[in-house]
Amino acid sequence: MIVKFLGNKGGGSAGATIDYLLGEDRDRLGAVLLSGDPELTQRLADNLDFQNRYTVGVLSFEEANIEEHQKQEIMQSFEETLLAGLDRDQYDITWIEHTDKGRLELNFVIPNVELSTGKRLQPYFDQADRPLVENWKQVTNFDYGLSDPHAPDKAQAIKTLNSQNLPENVKEIKQQIGTAIAEQISNGNIQNRQDVVNTLENAGFEITRQTERSISIKNPDGKRNIRLEGVIYENRQFDKQLAEEHSRAGQDYQRTSRERYETASGKLHRFVENKQRANQETFKLKSSDHPRPTTENQKRFAFEYAQGNSLGRVDLQYS
């Protein structure tokens, strides 16, 4: 399982995102609403005055599906990590499942507002929160026995090496291609440079240049060509030793899995504590302040925003 945050850069509406995830008529094939109220999420986000009005991302699994109770546990754990220090009635989130790509995807949309104060809530800052999310991912993958994207011997089935189905980041593209090629070498399916070229071309990539030590491919996004470098792209015959080295690396990785898990778990605990303190300080309510809103008042808060009547806090009736 991997975690991706999809940038909207202040543009694009939450409504358009929800329509994409569920379908404009809420009938997208393979889409299931797992949690939340998409109409409330849309209204909350699209009527905020903040530059970045919502956060959207996905938990992407190699597994085609997992048990329903595991989905709920993982979703709850992710919320408690990303939004540490906040109670469930202080934020809004909608979860939508996709299974139409041959793998499980748990998509989430979060309006960037803390509901008890109306203050801006930014769930994820990449520089600050990437270690938090990375360690959560490692711990979760271990706890649930999920596919580990970091494993050197991770079998990236050749069908996933497709020029039309790649990450946006060039570094991640190189990693995905490299993992797939290395696996095919280890399996004996690739034995030389020409086999590498054939594999890339069969996956839909256009070869733009070859040197003795690298292969360049056309970037599917039309940007600068991507240079693939390293021993697996060199103009050479791949021998049994290379495959054995790759296999040993995978075995070593598996032997140290418990150690990596314990390290990641310790780091995760510290990162969560830090985020918890920061959120509680930022959104702290004094005892004389209003009590927190009920779910019904969250919806009324959203309606106030939509009508342009809200002043940025929840001055409604509370129960």
C-alpha atoms as a PDB file:
ATOM      1  CA  MET A   1       0.000   0.000   0.000  1.00  0.00           C
ATOM      2  CA  ILE A   2       1.199   3.499  -0.810  1.00  0.00           C
ATOM      3  CA  VAL A   3      -0.189   6.931   0.093  1.00  0.00           C
ATOM      4  CA  LYS A   4      -0.550   9.668  -2.500  1.00  0.00           C
ATOM      5  CA  PHE A   5      -1.669  13.260  -2.000  1.00  0.00           C
ATOM      6  CA  LEU A   6      -3.044  14.784  -5.185  1.00  0.00           C
ATOM      7  CA  GLY A   7      -2.431  18.508  -5.551  1.00  0.00           C
ATOM      8  CA  ASN A   8      -5.241  20.863  -6.530  1.00  0.00           C
ATOM      9  CA  LYS A   9      -3.037  23.965  -6.132  1.00  0.00           C
ATOM     10  CA  GLY A  10      -5.976  26.094  -5.108  1.00  0.00           C
ATOM     11  CA  GLY A  11      -7.761  25.428  -8.376  1.00  0.00           C
ATOM     12  CA  GLY A  12     -10.487  22.975  -9.218  1.00  0.00           C
ATOM     13  CA  SER A  13     -13.545  22.514  -7.100  1.00  0.00           C
ATOM     14  CA  ALA A  14     -14.252  19.843  -4.544  1.00  0.00           C
ATOM     15  CA  GLY A  15     -17.470  19.295  -6.457  1.00  0.00           C
ATOM     16  CA  ALA A  16     -15.523  18.320  -9.567  1.00  0.00           C
ATOM     17  CA  THR A  17     -13.370  15.977  -7.486  1.00  0.00           C
ATOM     18  CA  ILE A  18     -16.413  14.305  -5.926  1.00  0.00           C
ATOM     19  CA  ASP A  19     -18.014  14.006  -9.369  1.00  0.00           C
ATOM     20  CA  TYR A  20     -14.879  12.282 -10.655  1.00  0.00           C
ATOM     21  CA  LEU A  21     -14.693   9.898  -7.703  1.00  0.00           C
ATOM     22  CA  LEU A  22     -18.384   8.927  -7.669  1.00  0.00           C
ATOM     23  CA  GLY A  23     -19.503   9.904 -11.165  1.00  0.00           C
ATOM     24  CA  GLU A  24     -21.648  12.935 -11.955  1.00  0.00           C
ATOM     25  CA  ASP A  25     -24.748  10.792 -11.544  1.00  0.00           C
ATOM     26  CA  ARG A  26     -23.165   8.906  -8.631  1.00  0.00           C
ATOM     27  CA  ASP A  27     -22.978   5.771 -10.761  1.00  0.00           C
ATOM     28  CA  ARG A  28     -19.270   5.335 -11.505  1.00  0.00           C
ATOM     29  CA  LEU A  29     -18.435   1.679 -12.041  1.00  0.00           C
ATOM     30  CA  GLY A  30     -16.378   0.269  -9.171  1.00  0.00           C
ATOM     31  CA  ALA A  31     -16.959   3.295  -6.911  1.00  0.00           C
ATOM     32  CA  VAL A  32     -18.447   2.813  -3.433  1.00  0.00           C
ATOM     33  CA  LEU A  33     -19.056   5.442  -0.749  1.00  0.00           C
ATOM     34  CA  LEU A  34     -17.490   3.979   2.400  1.00  0.00           C
ATOM     35  CA  SER A  35     -17.778   6.861   4.846  1.00  0.00           C
ATOM     36  CA  GLY A  36     -18.857  10.489   5.039  1.00  0.00           C
ATOM     37  CA  ASP A  37     -21.333  12.736   3.277  1.00  0.00           C
ATOM     38  CA  PRO A  38     -19.973  13.785  -0.143  1.00  0.00           C
ATOM     39  CA  GLU A  39     -22.484  16.605  -0.544  1.00  0.00           C
ATOM     40  CA  LEU A  40     -21.509  18.045   2.845  1.00  0.00           C
ATOM     41  CA  THR A  41     -17.822  17.676   2.028  1.00  0.00           C
ATOM     42  CA  GLN A  42     -18.319  19.447  -1.292  1.00  0.00           C
ATOM     43  CA  ARG A  43     -20.291  22.294   0.243  1.00  0.00           C
ATOM     44  CA  LEU A  44     -17.862  22.819   3.093  1.00  0.00           C
ATOM     45  CA  ALA A  45     -14.832  22.900   0.797  1.00  0.00           C
ATOM     46  CA  ASP A  46     -16.184  24.910  -2.121  1.00  0.00           C
ATOM     47  CA  ASN A  47     -17.443  27.736   0.080  1.00  0.00           C
ATOM     48  CA  LEU A  48     -14.207  28.333   1.960  1.00  0.00           C
ATOM     49  CA  ASP A  49     -12.224  31.503   1.308  1.00  0.00           C
ATOM     50  CA  PHE A  50      -8.864  29.778   1.731  1.00  0.00           C
ATOM     51  CA  GLN A  51      -6.482  29.393  -1.212  1.00  0.00           C
ATOM     52  CA  ASN A  52      -6.314  25.615  -0.758  1.00  0.00           C
ATOM     53  CA  ARG A  53      -9.828  24.643   0.163  1.00  0.00           C
ATOM     54  CA  TYR A  54      -9.542  20.887   0.403  1.00  0.00           C
ATOM     55  CA  THR A  55      -7.079  18.003   0.585  1.00  0.00           C
ATOM     56  CA  VAL A  56      -7.482  14.960  -1.638  1.00  0.00           C
ATOM     57  CA  GLY A  57      -5.473  11.759  -1.800  1.00  0.00           C
ATOM     58  CA  VAL A  58      -5.589   7.996  -2.022  1.00  0.00           C
ATOM     59  CA  LEU A  59      -4.422   4.888  -0.230  1.00  0.00           C
ATOM     60  CA  SER A  60      -3.498   2.641  -3.149  1.00  0.00           C
ATOM     61  CA  PHE A  61      -3.161  -1.111  -2.598  1.00  0.00           C
ATOM     62  CA  GLU A  62      -1.652  -3.693  -4.907  1.00  0.00           C
ATOM     63  CA  GLU A  63      -4.217  -6.107  -3.476  1.00  0.00           C
ATOM     64  CA  ALA A  64      -7.436  -6.307  -5.474  1.00  0.00           C
ATOM     65  CA  ASN A  65      -9.405  -6.101  -2.231  1.00  0.00           C
ATOM     66  CA  ILE A  66      -9.158  -6.646   1.532  1.00  0.00           C
ATOM     67  CA  GLU A  67     -11.675  -7.425   4.284  1.00  0.00           C
ATOM     68  CA  GLU A  68     -14.249  -4.713   4.994  1.00  0.00           C
ATOM     69  CA  HIS A  69     -13.294  -4.446   8.660  1.00  0.00           C
ATOM     70  CA  GLN A  70      -9.655  -3.956   7.633  1.00  0.00           C
ATOM     71  CA  LYS A  71     -10.630  -1.065   5.358  1.00  0.00           C
ATOM     72  CA  GLN A  72     -12.451   0.630   8.226  1.00  0.00           C
ATOM     73  CA  GLU A  73      -9.547   0.060  10.625  1.00  0.00           C
ATOM     74  CA  ILE A  74      -6.998   1.429   8.154  1.00  0.00           C
ATOM     75  CA  MET A  75      -9.152   4.460   7.348  1.00  0.00           C
ATOM     76  CA  GLN A  76      -9.619   5.235  11.039  1.00  0.00           C
ATOM     77  CA  SER A  77      -5.913   4.784  11.740  1.00  0.00           C
ATOM     78  CA  PHE A  78      -5.038   7.128   8.869  1.00  0.00           C
ATOM     79  CA  GLU A  79      -7.405   9.809  10.178  1.00  0.00           C
ATOM     80  CA  GLU A  80      -6.048   9.495  13.710  1.00  0.00           C
ATOM     81  CA  THR A  81      -2.530   9.911  12.329  1.00  0.00           C
ATOM     82  CA  LEU A  82      -3.029  12.680   9.773  1.00  0.00           C
ATOM     83  CA  LEU A  83      -5.440  14.615  12.018  1.00  0.00           C
ATOM     84  CA  ALA A  84      -3.872  13.730  15.360  1.00  0.00           C
ATOM     85  CA  GLY A  85      -5.180  15.757  18.278  1.00  0.00           C
ATOM     86  CA  LEU A  86      -8.567  16.431  16.686  1.00  0.00           C
ATOM     87  CA  ASP A  87     -11.803  14.755  17.691  1.00  0.00           C
ATOM     88  CA  ARG A  88     -13.991  13.297  14.953  1.00  0.00           C
ATOM     89  CA  ASP A  89     -16.445  16.199  15.166  1.00  0.00           C
ATOM     90  CA  GLN A  90     -13.700  18.751  14.479  1.00  0.00           C
ATOM     91  CA  TYR A  91     -13.149  17.789  10.834  1.00  0.00           C
ATOM     92  CA  ASP A  92     -15.028  16.395   7.850  1.00  0.00           C
ATOM     93  CA  ILE A  93     -13.837  13.616   5.559  1.00  0.00           C
ATOM     94  CA  THR A  94     -15.379  11.486   2.831  1.00  0.00           C
ATOM     95  CA  TRP A  95     -13.956   8.100   1.812  1.00  0.00           C
ATOM     96  CA  ILE A  96     -14.699   6.594  -1.607  1.00  0.00           C
ATOM     97  CA  GLU A  97     -13.529   3.165  -2.736  1.00  0.00           C
ATOM     98  CA  HIS A  98     -12.385   2.407  -6.282  1.00  0.00           C
ATOM     99  CA  THR A  99     -11.796  -1.108  -7.601  1.00  0.00           C
ATOM    100  CA  ASP A 100     -12.022  -0.448 -11.335  1.00  0.00           C
ATOM    101  CA  LYS A 101      -8.257  -0.508 -11.971  1.00  0.00           C
ATOM    102  CA  GLY A 102      -7.707  -4.077 -10.793  1.00  0.00           C
ATOM    103  CA  ARG A 103      -6.523  -2.921  -7.372  1.00  0.00           C
ATOM    104  CA  LEU A 104      -8.087  -1.392  -4.271  1.00  0.00           C
ATOM    105  CA  GLU A 105      -7.998   2.397  -3.878  1.00  0.00           C
ATOM    106  CA  LEU A 106      -9.359   4.244  -0.850  1.00  0.00           C
ATOM    107  CA  ASN A 107      -9.807   7.876  -1.908  1.00  0.00           C
ATOM    108  CA  PHE A 108     -10.295  10.637   0.656  1.00  0.00           C
ATOM    109  CA  VAL A 109     -11.433  14.271   0.451  1.00  0.00           C
ATOM    110  CA  ILE A 110     -11.015  16.622   3.439  1.00  0.00           C
ATOM    111  CA  PRO A 111     -12.301  20.231   3.534  1.00  0.00           C
ATOM    112  CA  ASN A 112      -9.474  22.368   4.944  1.00  0.00           C
ATOM    113  CA  VAL A 113     -11.462  23.783   7.856  1.00  0.00           C
ATOM    114  CA  GLU A 114     -11.628  22.948  11.570  1.00  0.00           C
ATOM    115  CA  LEU A 115     -15.331  22.783  12.316  1.00  0.00           C
ATOM    116  CA  SER A 116     -15.470  24.110  15.877  1.00  0.00           C
ATOM    117  CA  THR A 117     -13.653  27.369  15.070  1.00  0.00           C
ATOM    118  CA  GLY A 118     -13.903  27.832  11.306  1.00  0.00           C
ATOM    119  CA  LYS A 119     -10.118  28.223  11.212  1.00  0.00           C
ATOM    120  CA  ARG A 120      -8.017  26.977   8.310  1.00  0.00           C
ATOM    121  CA  LEU A 121      -6.960  23.352   8.740  1.00  0.00           C
ATOM    122  CA  GLN A 122      -4.167  22.042   6.529  1.00  0.00           C
ATOM    123  CA  PRO A 123      -4.014  18.283   7.118  1.00  0.00           C
ATOM    124  CA  TYR A 124      -0.818  17.706   5.136  1.00  0.00           C
ATOM    125  CA  PHE A 125       2.302  19.805   4.593  1.00  0.00           C
ATOM    126  CA  ASP A 126       4.659  17.715   2.486  1.00  0.00           C
ATOM    127  CA  GLN A 127       7.953  18.737   4.087  1.00  0.00           C
ATOM    128  CA  ALA A 128       6.654  18.414   7.642  1.00  0.00           C
ATOM    129  CA  ASP A 129       4.271  15.483   7.286  1.00  0.00           C
ATOM    130  CA  ARG A 130       5.957  13.182   4.779  1.00  0.00           C
ATOM    131  CA  PRO A 131       7.905  11.335   7.539  1.00  0.00           C
ATOM    132  CA  LEU A 132       4.659  10.952   9.513  1.00  0.00           C
ATOM    133  CA  VAL A 133       2.804   9.421   6.568  1.00  0.00           C
ATOM    134  CA  GLU A 134       5.775   7.321   5.419  1.00  0.00           C
ATOM    135  CA  ASN A 135       6.174   5.684   8.829  1.00  0.00           C
ATOM    136  CA  TRP A 136       2.401   5.147   9.132  1.00  0.00           C
ATOM    137  CA  LYS A 137       2.506   3.403   5.751  1.00  0.00           C
ATOM    138  CA  GLN A 138       5.348   1.107   6.811  1.00  0.00           C
ATOM    139  CA  VAL A 139       3.660   0.196  10.098  1.00  0.00           C
ATOM    140  CA  THR A 140       0.285  -0.401   8.440  1.00  0.00           C
ATOM    141  CA  ASN A 141       1.730  -2.550   5.656  1.00  0.00           C
ATOM    142  CA  PHE A 142       3.463  -4.723   8.255  1.00  0.00           C
ATOM    143  CA  ASP A 143       0.455  -4.956  10.591  1.00  0.00           C
ATOM    144  CA  TYR A 144      -1.899  -6.086   7.825  1.00  0.00           C
ATOM    145  CA  GLY A 145       0.578  -8.071   5.742  1.00  0.00           C
ATOM    146  CA  LEU A 146       0.118  -5.751   2.778  1.00  0.00           C
ATOM    147  CA  SER A 147       2.370  -5.500  -0.243  1.00  0.00           C
ATOM    148  CA  ASP A 148       5.541  -3.551   0.608  1.00  0.00           C
ATOM    149  CA  PRO A 149       6.543  -1.159  -2.196  1.00  0.00           C
ATOM    150  CA  HIS A 150      10.075  -0.839  -0.795  1.00  0.00           C
ATOM    151  CA  ALA A 151      10.998  -4.525  -1.029  1.00  0.00           C
ATOM    152  CA  PRO A 152      13.884  -5.023  -3.516  1.00  0.00           C
ATOM    153  CA  ASP A 153      12.407  -8.310  -4.675  1.00  0.00           C
ATOM    154  CA  LYS A 154       8.944  -6.846  -4.994  1.00  0.00           C
ATOM    155  CA  ALA A 155       7.398  -8.372  -8.089  1.00  0.00           C
ATOM    156  CA  GLN A 156       6.022  -5.542 -10.169  1.00  0.00           C
ATOM    157  CA  ALA A 157       4.019  -7.620 -12.622  1.00  0.00           C
ATOM    158  CA  ILE A 158       4.983  -6.585 -16.114  1.00  0.00           C
ATOM    159  CA  LYS A 159       1.373  -5.665 -16.844  1.00  0.00           C
ATOM    160  CA  THR A 160       1.738  -2.773 -14.381  1.00  0.00           C
ATOM    161  CA  LEU A 161       4.663  -1.390 -16.393  1.00  0.00           C
ATOM    162  CA  ASN A 162       2.517   0.696 -18.681  1.00  0.00           C
ATOM    163  CA  SER A 163       3.308   4.123 -20.072  1.00  0.00           C
ATOM    164  CA  GLN A 164      -0.329   5.125 -19.534  1.00  0.00           C
ATOM    165  CA  ASN A 165      -0.412   4.162 -15.849  1.00  0.00           C
ATOM    166  CA  LEU A 166       2.529   5.850 -14.145  1.00  0.00           C
ATOM    167  CA  PRO A 167       3.157   8.069 -11.124  1.00  0.00           C
ATOM    168  CA  GLU A 168       3.413  11.820 -11.755  1.00  0.00           C
ATOM    169  CA  ASN A 169       6.843  12.154 -10.145  1.00  0.00           C
ATOM    170  CA  VAL A 170       9.804  11.301 -12.413  1.00  0.00           C
ATOM    171  CA  LYS A 171      11.719   9.727  -9.528  1.00  0.00           C
ATOM    172  CA  GLU A 172       8.790   7.397  -8.828  1.00  0.00           C
ATOM    173  CA  ILE A 173       8.513   6.571 -12.539  1.00  0.00           C
ATOM    174  CA  LYS A 174      12.177   5.513 -12.561  1.00  0.00           C
ATOM    175  CA  GLN A 175      11.673   3.440  -9.419  1.00  0.00           C
ATOM    176  CA  GLN A 176       8.648   1.649 -10.850  1.00  0.00           C
ATOM    177  CA  ILE A 177      10.383   0.880 -14.136  1.00  0.00           C
ATOM    178  CA  GLY A 178      13.583  -0.191 -12.372  1.00  0.00           C
ATOM    179  CA  THR A 179      11.755  -2.553 -10.042  1.00  0.00           C
ATOM    180  CA  ALA A 180       9.914  -4.172 -12.940  1.00  0.00           C
ATOM    181  CA  ILE A 181      13.062  -4.594 -15.052  1.00  0.00           C
ATOM    182  CA  ALA A 182      15.105  -5.957 -12.125  1.00  0.00           C
ATOM    183  CA  GLU A 183      12.400  -8.501 -11.346  1.00  0.00           C
ATOM    184  CA  GLN A 184      12.372  -9.718 -14.934  1.00  0.00           C
ATOM    185  CA  ILE A 185      16.169 -10.051 -14.868  1.00  0.00           C
ATOM    186  CA  SER A 186      15.943 -12.033 -11.632  1.00  0.00           C
ATOM    187  CA  ASN A 187      13.350 -14.327 -13.201  1.00  0.00           C
ATOM    188  CA  GLY A 188      15.562 -14.884 -16.235  1.00  0.00           C
ATOM    189  CA  ASN A 189      13.147 -13.162 -18.623  1.00  0.00           C
ATOM    190  CA  ILE A 190      15.636 -10.396 -19.460  1.00  0.00           C
ATOM    191  CA  GLN A 191      19.200 -11.360 -20.365  1.00  0.00           C
ATOM    192  CA  ASN A 192      20.628  -8.364 -22.227  1.00  0.00           C
ATOM    193  CA  ARG A 193      20.163  -4.736 -23.261  1.00  0.00           C
ATOM    194  CA  GLN A 194      17.919  -5.587 -26.211  1.00  0.00           C
ATOM    195  CA  ASP A 195      15.571  -7.478 -23.898  1.00  0.00           C
ATOM    196  CA  VAL A 196      15.330  -4.348 -21.743  1.00  0.00           C
ATOM    197  CA  VAL A 197      14.525  -2.217 -24.789  1.00  0.00           C
ATOM    198  CA  ASN A 198      11.901  -4.708 -25.977  1.00  0.00           C
ATOM    199  CA  THR A 199      10.282  -4.783 -22.544  1.00  0.00           C
ATOM    200  CA  LEU A 200      10.060  -0.993 -22.425  1.00  0.00           C
ATOM    201  CA  GLU A 201       8.651  -0.762 -25.944  1.00  0.00           C
ATOM    202  CA  ASN A 202       6.097  -3.495 -25.252  1.00  0.00           C
ATOM    203  CA  ALA A 203       4.947  -1.482 -22.242  1.00  0.00           C
ATOM    204  CA  GLY A 204       4.282   1.497 -24.510  1.00  0.00           C
ATOM    205  CA  PHE A 205       7.428   3.566 -23.968  1.00  0.00           C
ATOM    206  CA  GLU A 206       9.204   5.317 -26.831  1.00  0.00           C
ATOM    207  CA  ILE A 207      12.991   4.938 -26.754  1.00  0.00           C
ATOM    208  CA  THR A 208      14.592   8.293 -27.616  1.00  0.00           C
ATOM    209  CA  ARG A 209      18.282   7.555 -27.024  1.00  0.00           C
ATOM    210  CA  GLN A 210      20.650   4.760 -26.063  1.00  0.00           C
ATOM    211  CA  THR A 211      24.211   5.049 -24.778  1.00  0.00           C
ATOM    212  CA  GLU A 212      26.570   2.451 -23.375  1.00  0.00           C
ATOM    213  CA  ARG A 213      25.356   3.219 -19.831  1.00  0.00           C
ATOM    214  CA  SER A 214      21.805   4.535 -20.160  1.00  0.00           C
ATOM    215  CA  ILE A 215      18.492   4.425 -21.995  1.00  0.00           C
ATOM    216  CA  SER A 216      16.293   7.505 -22.436  1.00  0.00           C
ATOM    217  CA  ILE A 217      12.530   7.278 -22.885  1.00  0.00           C
ATOM    218  CA  LYS A 218       9.955   9.838 -23.888  1.00  0.00           C
ATOM    219  CA  ASN A 219       8.093  11.275 -20.916  1.00  0.00           C
ATOM    220  CA  PRO A 220       4.408  10.284 -21.311  1.00  0.00           C
ATOM    221  CA  ASP A 221       3.461  13.749 -19.987  1.00  0.00           C
ATOM    222  CA  GLY A 222       5.333  15.426 -22.822  1.00  0.00           C
ATOM    223  CA  LYS A 223       7.956  16.903 -20.536  1.00  0.00           C
ATOM    224  CA  ARG A 224      11.729  16.367 -20.663  1.00  0.00           C
ATOM    225  CA  ASN A 225      12.819  12.864 -21.662  1.00  0.00           C
ATOM    226  CA  ILE A 226      13.536  10.475 -18.792  1.00  0.00           C
ATOM    227  CA  ARG A 227      17.038   9.007 -18.585  1.00  0.00           C
ATOM    228  CA  LEU A 228      17.246   5.536 -17.066  1.00  0.00           C
ATOM    229  CA  GLU A 229      20.684   4.863 -15.608  1.00  0.00           C
ATOM    230  CA  GLY A 230      22.257   2.030 -13.655  1.00  0.00           C
ATOM    231  CA  VAL A 231      23.689  -1.417 -14.233  1.00  0.00           C
ATOM    232  CA  ILE A 232      20.401  -2.864 -15.510  1.00  0.00           C
ATOM    233  CA  TYR A 233      20.318  -0.327 -18.365  1.00  0.00           C
ATOM    234  CA  GLU A 234      23.939  -0.785 -19.465  1.00  0.00           C
ATOM    235  CA  ASN A 235      24.782  -2.369 -22.805  1.00  0.00           C
ATOM    236  CA  ARG A 236      25.853  -5.719 -21.404  1.00  0.00           C
ATOM    237  CA  GLN A 237      24.873  -9.337 -20.928  1.00  0.00           C
ATOM    238  CA  PHE A 238      23.124  -9.968 -17.621  1.00  0.00           C
ATOM    239  CA  ASP A 239      24.613 -12.970 -15.903  1.00  0.00           C
ATOM    240  CA  LYS A 240      23.417 -15.251 -13.145  1.00  0.00           C
ATOM    241  CA  GLN A 241      25.463 -13.318 -10.585  1.00  0.00           C
ATOM    242  CA  LEU A 242      23.380 -10.176 -11.099  1.00  0.00           C
ATOM    243  CA  ALA A 243      20.168 -12.124 -10.552  1.00  0.00           C
ATOM    244  CA  GLU A 244      21.618 -13.771  -7.446  1.00  0.00           C
ATOM    245  CA  GLU A 245      22.665 -10.394  -6.014  1.00  0.00           C
ATOM    246  CA  HIS A 246      19.164  -9.105  -6.579  1.00  0.00           C
ATOM    247  CA  SER A 247      17.713 -12.198  -4.887  1.00  0.00           C
ATOM    248  CA  ARG A 248      20.021 -11.837  -1.868  1.00  0.00           C
ATOM    249  CA  ALA A 249      19.010  -8.209  -1.471  1.00  0.00           C
ATOM    250  CA  GLY A 250      15.387  -9.313  -1.265  1.00  0.00           C
ATOM    251  CA  GLN A 251      16.192 -11.996   1.307  1.00  0.00           C
ATOM    252  CA  ASP A 252      18.159  -9.528   3.442  1.00  0.00           C
ATOM    253  CA  TYR A 253      15.252  -7.103   3.284  1.00  0.00           C
ATOM    254  CA  GLN A 254      12.843  -9.756   4.542  1.00  0.00           C
ATOM    255  CA  ARG A 255      15.149 -10.776   7.396  1.00  0.00           C
ATOM    256  CA  THR A 256      15.253  -7.224   8.723  1.00  0.00           C
ATOM    257  CA  SER A 257      11.510  -6.554   8.377  1.00  0.00           C
ATOM    258  CA  ARG A 258      10.814  -6.738  12.139  1.00  0.00           C
ATOM    259  CA  GLU A 259      13.660  -4.336  12.904  1.00  0.00           C
ATOM    260  CA  ARG A 260      12.405  -1.836  10.325  1.00  0.00           C
ATOM    261  CA  TYR A 261       8.884  -2.170  11.688  1.00  0.00           C
ATOM    262  CA  GLU A 262       9.956  -1.398  15.249  1.00  0.00           C
ATOM    263  CA  THR A 263      11.988   1.595  14.083  1.00  0.00           C
ATOM    264  CA  ALA A 264       9.082   2.946  12.032  1.00  0.00           C
ATOM    265  CA  SER A 265       6.666   2.363  14.915  1.00  0.00           C
ATOM    266  CA  GLY A 266       8.836   4.383  17.298  1.00  0.00           C
ATOM    267  CA  LYS A 267       9.182   7.237  14.826  1.00  0.00           C
ATOM    268  CA  LEU A 268       5.460   7.195  14.100  1.00  0.00           C
ATOM    269  CA  HIS A 269       4.636   7.522  17.801  1.00  0.00           C
ATOM    270  CA  ARG A 270       6.854  10.607  18.111  1.00  0.00           C
ATOM    271  CA  PHE A 271       5.524  12.233  14.944  1.00  0.00           C
ATOM    272  CA  VAL A 272       1.914  11.667  16.033  1.00  0.00           C
ATOM    273  CA  GLU A 273       2.610  13.195  19.445  1.00  0.00           C
ATOM    274  CA  ASN A 274       4.125  16.283  17.807  1.00  0.00           C
ATOM    275  CA  LYS A 275       1.186  16.741  15.452  1.00  0.00           C
ATOM    276  CA  GLN A 276      -1.272  16.146  18.262  1.00  0.00           C
ATOM    277  CA  ARG A 277       0.269  18.940  20.343  1.00  0.00           C
ATOM    278  CA  ALA A 278       0.336  21.325  17.377  1.00  0.00           C
ATOM    279  CA  ASN A 279      -3.309  20.737  16.447  1.00  0.00           C
ATOM    280  CA  GLN A 280      -4.558  20.957  20.011  1.00  0.00           C
ATOM    281  CA  GLU A 281      -2.715  24.244  20.501  1.00  0.00           C
ATOM    282  CA  THR A 282      -3.943  25.715  17.209  1.00  0.00           C
ATOM    283  CA  PHE A 283      -7.581  24.742  17.688  1.00  0.00           C
ATOM    284  CA  LYS A 284      -7.801  24.943  21.470  1.00  0.00           C
ATOM    285  CA  LEU A 285     -11.192  26.034  22.820  1.00  0.00           C
ATOM    286  CA  LYS A 286     -11.428  27.814  26.139  1.00  0.00           C
ATOM    287  CA  SER A 287     -13.932  26.481  28.640  1.00  0.00           C
ATOM    288  CA  SER A 288     -16.051  29.594  28.102  1.00  0.00           C
ATOM    289  CA  ASP A 289     -16.219  29.055  24.350  1.00  0.00           C
ATOM    290  CA  HIS A 290     -19.062  27.372  22.555  1.00  0.00           C
ATOM    291  CA  PRO A 291     -19.238  23.598  22.896  1.00  0.00           C
ATOM    292  CA  ARG A 292     -18.452  21.660  19.784  1.00  0.00           C
ATOM    293  CA  PRO A 293     -21.132  21.340  17.113  1.00  0.00           C
ATOM    294  CA  THR A 294     -23.260  18.292  16.599  1.00  0.00           C
ATOM    295  CA  THR A 295     -23.248  16.580  13.214  1.00  0.00           C
ATOM    296  CA  GLU A 296     -26.449  18.387  12.335  1.00  0.00           C
ATOM    297  CA  ASN A 297     -24.832  21.722  13.092  1.00  0.00           C
ATOM    298  CA  GLN A 298     -21.898  20.805  10.858  1.00  0.00           C
ATOM    299  CA  LYS A 299     -24.397  20.581   8.027  1.00  0.00           C
ATOM    300  CA  ARG A 300     -25.940  23.881   9.042  1.00  0.00           C
ATOM    301  CA  PHE A 301     -22.454  25.384   9.130  1.00  0.00           C
ATOM    302  CA  ALA A 302     -21.936  24.214   5.555  1.00  0.00           C
ATOM    303  CA  PHE A 303     -25.259  25.732   4.564  1.00  0.00           C
ATOM    304  CA  GLU A 304     -24.228  29.056   6.137  1.00  0.00           C
ATOM    305  CA  TYR A 305     -21.077  29.037   4.025  1.00  0.00           C
ATOM    306  CA  ALA A 306     -23.055  28.250   0.898  1.00  0.00           C
ATOM    307  CA  GLN A 307     -25.404  31.160   1.555  1.00  0.00           C
ATOM    308  CA  GLY A 308     -22.519  33.528   2.286  1.00  0.00           C
ATOM    309  CA  ASN A 309     -23.729  34.187   5.828  1.00  0.00           C
ATOM    310  CA  SER A 310     -20.941  32.595   7.837  1.00  0.00           C
ATOM    311  CA  LEU A 311     -18.360  34.814   9.511  1.00  0.00           C
ATOM    312  CA  GLY A 312     -15.876  31.976   9.821  1.00  0.00           C
ATOM    313  CA  ARG A 313     -16.993  30.364  13.053  1.00  0.00           C
ATOM    314  CA  VAL A 314     -19.886  28.229  14.140  1.00  0.00           C
ATOM    315  CA  ASP A 315     -22.319  30.553  15.923  1.00  0.00           C
ATOM    316  CA  LEU A 316     -25.268  28.198  15.790  1.00  0.00           C
ATOM    317  CA  GLN A 317     -27.387  26.380  18.310  1.00  0.00           C
ATOM    318  CA  TYR A 318     -25.616  23.581  20.135  1.00  0.00           C
ATOM    319  CA  SER A 319     -26.923  20.587  21.964  1.00  0.00           C
END
